[in-house]
Amino acid sequence: MTTLHEARVPPSTCPSCGYEVDAASGVFEPTAEPRPGDVSICLECGAASVFADDLTVRAPTAAESASFGLDVAQTQLAVRAARRARGAP
């Protein structure tokens, strides 16, 4: 099983599903630390959010959403890998 680096962030909730976010893992850059403006993918619902200046997550603006260019299949694979690394089904 792959172990991901977890960076603790202030508790907040996914704007799409309400899942509590209190850590972040750099799935594509395993040692990366979250920075304001970075995209976060919810481990529960797979929705994209954005790290605010205080590293809580917030809903993306329309312009941010349009700029993400997320590949849905790649994102789903990344979410599944992160869930497995955390021991979640």
Protein backbone atom coordinates (compact mmCIF):
# COMPACT_ATOMS: atom_id res chain seq x y z
CA MET A 1 0.00 0.00 0.00
CA THR A 2 1.25 3.48 -0.91
CA THR A 3 1.60 5.96 1.93
CA LEU A 4 0.81 9.57 1.14
CA HIS A 5 2.22 12.56 2.96
CA GLU A 6 -0.61 14.26 4.83
CA ALA A 7 -0.44 17.96 5.56
CA ARG A 8 -2.78 19.09 8.32
CA VAL A 9 -5.02 22.02 7.42
CA PRO A 10 -7.58 23.93 9.52
CA PRO A 11 -10.86 22.00 9.66
CA SER A 12 -13.44 23.04 7.09
CA THR A 13 -16.14 21.32 5.08
CA CYS A 14 -16.41 20.38 1.43
CA PRO A 15 -18.74 22.96 -0.13
CA SER A 16 -20.38 20.21 -2.19
CA CYS A 17 -21.08 17.43 0.32
CA GLY A 18 -20.13 18.69 3.79
CA TYR A 19 -17.30 16.16 4.28
CA GLU A 20 -14.85 17.41 6.93
CA VAL A 21 -11.50 18.36 5.46
CA ASP A 22 -8.62 18.52 7.94
CA ALA A 23 -5.73 17.18 5.89
CA ALA A 24 -4.44 17.30 2.33
CA SER A 25 -2.29 14.93 0.31
CA GLY A 26 -0.47 15.74 -2.88
CA VAL A 27 -1.60 12.82 -5.00
CA PHE A 28 0.37 13.85 -8.09
CA GLU A 29 3.17 15.46 -6.05
CA PRO A 30 3.24 13.27 -2.92
CA THR A 31 5.36 15.62 -0.78
CA ALA A 32 3.61 18.84 -1.81
CA GLU A 33 2.08 21.09 0.83
CA PRO A 34 -1.19 22.89 0.01
CA ARG A 35 -1.00 26.60 -0.85
CA PRO A 36 -3.75 29.21 -1.16
CA GLY A 37 -5.34 28.89 -4.60
CA ASP A 38 -4.48 25.19 -5.02
CA VAL A 39 -7.26 22.84 -6.10
CA SER A 40 -8.50 20.27 -3.60
CA ILE A 41 -10.48 17.18 -4.57
CA CYS A 42 -12.90 15.86 -1.93
CA LEU A 43 -12.20 12.26 -0.94
CA GLU A 44 -15.90 11.72 -0.28
CA CYS A 45 -17.63 13.15 -3.37
CA GLY A 46 -14.78 13.99 -5.76
CA ALA A 47 -15.82 17.64 -6.15
CA ALA A 48 -13.18 20.29 -6.70
CA SER A 49 -12.72 23.12 -4.22
CA VAL A 50 -10.00 25.70 -3.67
CA PHE A 51 -7.73 26.33 -0.70
CA ALA A 52 -8.43 29.80 0.71
CA ASP A 53 -5.75 32.05 2.22
CA ASP A 54 -6.22 30.34 5.60
CA LEU A 55 -6.01 26.85 3.96
CA THR A 56 -9.68 26.04 4.55
CA VAL A 57 -11.53 24.89 1.43
CA ARG A 58 -14.08 27.00 -0.40
CA ALA A 59 -16.20 26.67 -3.50
CA PRO A 60 -14.38 27.70 -6.66
CA THR A 61 -15.48 30.76 -8.60
CA ALA A 62 -16.84 30.19 -12.11
CA ALA A 63 -13.54 31.44 -13.58
CA GLU A 64 -11.54 29.07 -11.35
CA SER A 65 -13.73 26.10 -12.29
CA ALA A 66 -13.28 26.87 -15.99
CA SER A 67 -9.50 27.06 -15.57
CA PHE A 68 -9.07 23.75 -13.73
CA GLY A 69 -9.05 21.61 -16.86
CA LEU A 70 -9.56 18.54 -14.70
CA ASP A 71 -9.58 15.20 -16.46
CA VAL A 72 -12.53 13.42 -14.83
CA ALA A 73 -11.13 9.90 -15.26
CA GLN A 74 -7.70 10.93 -13.94
CA THR A 75 -9.33 12.72 -11.01
CA GLN A 76 -11.43 9.68 -10.13
CA LEU A 77 -8.34 7.46 -10.21
CA ALA A 78 -6.49 9.91 -7.95
CA VAL A 79 -9.39 9.99 -5.46
CA ARG A 80 -9.55 6.18 -5.37
CA ALA A 81 -5.77 5.97 -4.83
CA ALA A 82 -5.94 8.50 -2.01
CA ARG A 83 -8.85 6.67 -0.36
CA ARG A 84 -6.95 3.37 -0.53
CA ALA A 85 -3.85 5.02 0.96
CA ARG A 86 -5.99 6.23 3.86
CA GLY A 87 -7.49 2.77 4.31
CA ALA A 88 -10.96 3.82 3.11
CA PRO A 89 -12.98 1.58 0.74
